[in-house]
Amino acid sequence: MKECDRFKRCPLIDHCTENEETVSMSLDGMIRLYCCGSKQLYCIRKQLLVKFGETSVPKDMMPNGFPLPGANREKWSEEAINFRVLL
């Protein structure tokens, strides 16, 4: 399967590259599924982007909508905190 069209511009990928200690095996697997695999349509990050714009998507939000390990939702946009899956 082809990788997500946003993969090379995704703030999450940049954030994980800059902060390698936050990248765990489970996050690596999630990136493979959501960014390069069969769950691309279920990426909460991309759904937020489409519905509310780039500024609504937290850089520390995983594709499944949860915060990265060690992060929390305190500084997230209200849209990100209250978002419900569209599919």
C-alpha atoms as a PDB file:
ATOM      1  CA  MET A   1       0.000   0.000   0.000  1.00  0.00           C
ATOM      2  CA  LYS A   2       1.144   3.539  -0.760  1.00  0.00           C
ATOM      3  CA  GLU A   3       2.085   5.788   2.169  1.00  0.00           C
ATOM      4  CA  CYS A   4      -0.199   8.657   3.171  1.00  0.00           C
ATOM      5  CA  ASP A   5       0.113  11.739   0.977  1.00  0.00           C
ATOM      6  CA  ARG A   6       0.856  13.771   4.142  1.00  0.00           C
ATOM      7  CA  PHE A   7       3.527  11.398   5.479  1.00  0.00           C
ATOM      8  CA  LYS A   8       6.564  13.478   4.526  1.00  0.00           C
ATOM      9  CA  ARG A   9       4.899  16.676   5.855  1.00  0.00           C
ATOM     10  CA  CYS A  10       3.274  15.201   8.973  1.00  0.00           C
ATOM     11  CA  PRO A  11       4.267  17.048  12.161  1.00  0.00           C
ATOM     12  CA  LEU A  12       4.042  13.756  14.097  1.00  0.00           C
ATOM     13  CA  ILE A  13       6.738  12.168  11.940  1.00  0.00           C
ATOM     14  CA  ASP A  14       8.935  15.255  12.343  1.00  0.00           C
ATOM     15  CA  HIS A  15       8.299  15.278  16.103  1.00  0.00           C
ATOM     16  CA  CYS A  16       9.196  11.588  16.429  1.00  0.00           C
ATOM     17  CA  THR A  17      12.331  12.042  14.335  1.00  0.00           C
ATOM     18  CA  GLU A  18      13.448  14.927  16.540  1.00  0.00           C
ATOM     19  CA  ASN A  19      12.541  13.101  19.766  1.00  0.00           C
ATOM     20  CA  GLU A  20      13.572   9.528  19.129  1.00  0.00           C
ATOM     21  CA  GLU A  21      13.118   8.564  22.787  1.00  0.00           C
ATOM     22  CA  THR A  22       9.328   8.952  22.344  1.00  0.00           C
ATOM     23  CA  VAL A  23       9.252   6.463  19.483  1.00  0.00           C
ATOM     24  CA  SER A  24       8.452   3.059  20.877  1.00  0.00           C
ATOM     25  CA  MET A  25       7.878  -0.199  19.045  1.00  0.00           C
ATOM     26  CA  SER A  26       4.122   0.254  19.410  1.00  0.00           C
ATOM     27  CA  LEU A  27       4.238   3.766  17.913  1.00  0.00           C
ATOM     28  CA  ASP A  28       6.425   2.483  15.085  1.00  0.00           C
ATOM     29  CA  GLY A  29       3.796  -0.187  14.396  1.00  0.00           C
ATOM     30  CA  MET A  30       1.018   2.387  14.548  1.00  0.00           C
ATOM     31  CA  ILE A  31       2.836   4.560  12.007  1.00  0.00           C
ATOM     32  CA  ARG A  32       3.199   1.545   9.724  1.00  0.00           C
ATOM     33  CA  LEU A  33      -0.550   0.812   9.989  1.00  0.00           C
ATOM     34  CA  TYR A  34      -1.973   4.334   9.844  1.00  0.00           C
ATOM     35  CA  CYS A  35       0.607   6.108   7.659  1.00  0.00           C
ATOM     36  CA  CYS A  36       1.729   3.346   5.339  1.00  0.00           C
ATOM     37  CA  GLY A  37      -0.913   0.645   5.714  1.00  0.00           C
ATOM     38  CA  SER A  38      -4.539  -0.360   5.805  1.00  0.00           C
ATOM     39  CA  LYS A  39      -5.760   2.112   8.463  1.00  0.00           C
ATOM     40  CA  GLN A  40      -5.036   5.334   6.560  1.00  0.00           C
ATOM     41  CA  LEU A  41      -8.754   6.190   6.377  1.00  0.00           C
ATOM     42  CA  TYR A  42      -8.975   5.981  10.176  1.00  0.00           C
ATOM     43  CA  CYS A  43      -6.172   8.443  10.953  1.00  0.00           C
ATOM     44  CA  ILE A  44      -7.609  10.950  13.416  1.00  0.00           C
ATOM     45  CA  ARG A  45      -4.835  13.410  12.587  1.00  0.00           C
ATOM     46  CA  LYS A  46      -5.814  13.511   8.922  1.00  0.00           C
ATOM     47  CA  GLN A  47      -9.532  13.717   9.726  1.00  0.00           C
ATOM     48  CA  LEU A  48      -8.893  16.715  11.998  1.00  0.00           C
ATOM     49  CA  LEU A  49      -6.777  18.350   9.306  1.00  0.00           C
ATOM     50  CA  VAL A  50      -9.502  17.962   6.683  1.00  0.00           C
ATOM     51  CA  LYS A  51     -12.307  19.159   8.950  1.00  0.00           C
ATOM     52  CA  PHE A  52     -10.640  21.970  10.949  1.00  0.00           C
ATOM     53  CA  GLY A  53      -7.294  22.782   9.318  1.00  0.00           C
ATOM     54  CA  GLU A  54      -3.678  22.209  10.161  1.00  0.00           C
ATOM     55  CA  THR A  55      -3.597  24.325  13.326  1.00  0.00           C
ATOM     56  CA  SER A  56      -6.138  22.045  15.025  1.00  0.00           C
ATOM     57  CA  VAL A  57      -3.879  18.955  14.832  1.00  0.00           C
ATOM     58  CA  PRO A  58      -1.535  18.571  17.830  1.00  0.00           C
ATOM     59  CA  LYS A  59       1.984  17.491  16.919  1.00  0.00           C
ATOM     60  CA  ASP A  60       1.978  15.045  19.854  1.00  0.00           C
ATOM     61  CA  MET A  61      -1.232  13.239  18.824  1.00  0.00           C
ATOM     62  CA  MET A  62      -0.850   9.687  17.569  1.00  0.00           C
ATOM     63  CA  PRO A  63      -2.842   8.588  14.498  1.00  0.00           C
ATOM     64  CA  ASN A  64      -5.394   6.884  16.773  1.00  0.00           C
ATOM     65  CA  GLY A  65      -6.177  10.178  18.524  1.00  0.00           C
ATOM     66  CA  PHE A  66      -4.349   9.504  21.793  1.00  0.00           C
ATOM     67  CA  PRO A  67      -1.376  11.544  23.041  1.00  0.00           C
ATOM     68  CA  LEU A  68       2.159  10.279  22.545  1.00  0.00           C
ATOM     69  CA  PRO A  69       3.614   8.530  25.602  1.00  0.00           C
ATOM     70  CA  GLY A  70       4.536  11.197  28.130  1.00  0.00           C
ATOM     71  CA  ALA A  71       2.324  13.847  26.498  1.00  0.00           C
ATOM     72  CA  ASN A  72      -1.149  15.006  27.483  1.00  0.00           C
ATOM     73  CA  ARG A  73      -4.054  16.908  25.963  1.00  0.00           C
ATOM     74  CA  GLU A  74      -3.669  20.123  27.993  1.00  0.00           C
ATOM     75  CA  LYS A  75      -2.379  22.246  25.095  1.00  0.00           C
ATOM     76  CA  TRP A  76      -4.498  20.633  22.370  1.00  0.00           C
ATOM     77  CA  SER A  77      -7.088  22.591  20.423  1.00  0.00           C
ATOM     78  CA  GLU A  78     -10.673  22.228  21.539  1.00  0.00           C
ATOM     79  CA  GLU A  79     -11.434  20.550  18.187  1.00  0.00           C
ATOM     80  CA  ALA A  80      -8.783  17.894  18.864  1.00  0.00           C
ATOM     81  CA  ILE A  81      -9.957  17.249  22.419  1.00  0.00           C
ATOM     82  CA  ASN A  82     -13.617  16.888  21.446  1.00  0.00           C
ATOM     83  CA  PHE A  83     -13.210  15.264  18.017  1.00  0.00           C
ATOM     84  CA  ARG A  84     -15.199  12.162  17.203  1.00  0.00           C
ATOM     85  CA  VAL A  85     -14.252   9.754  14.425  1.00  0.00           C
ATOM     86  CA  LEU A  86     -16.027  10.529  11.159  1.00  0.00           C
ATOM     87  CA  LEU A  87     -16.023   6.979   9.768  1.00  0.00           C
END
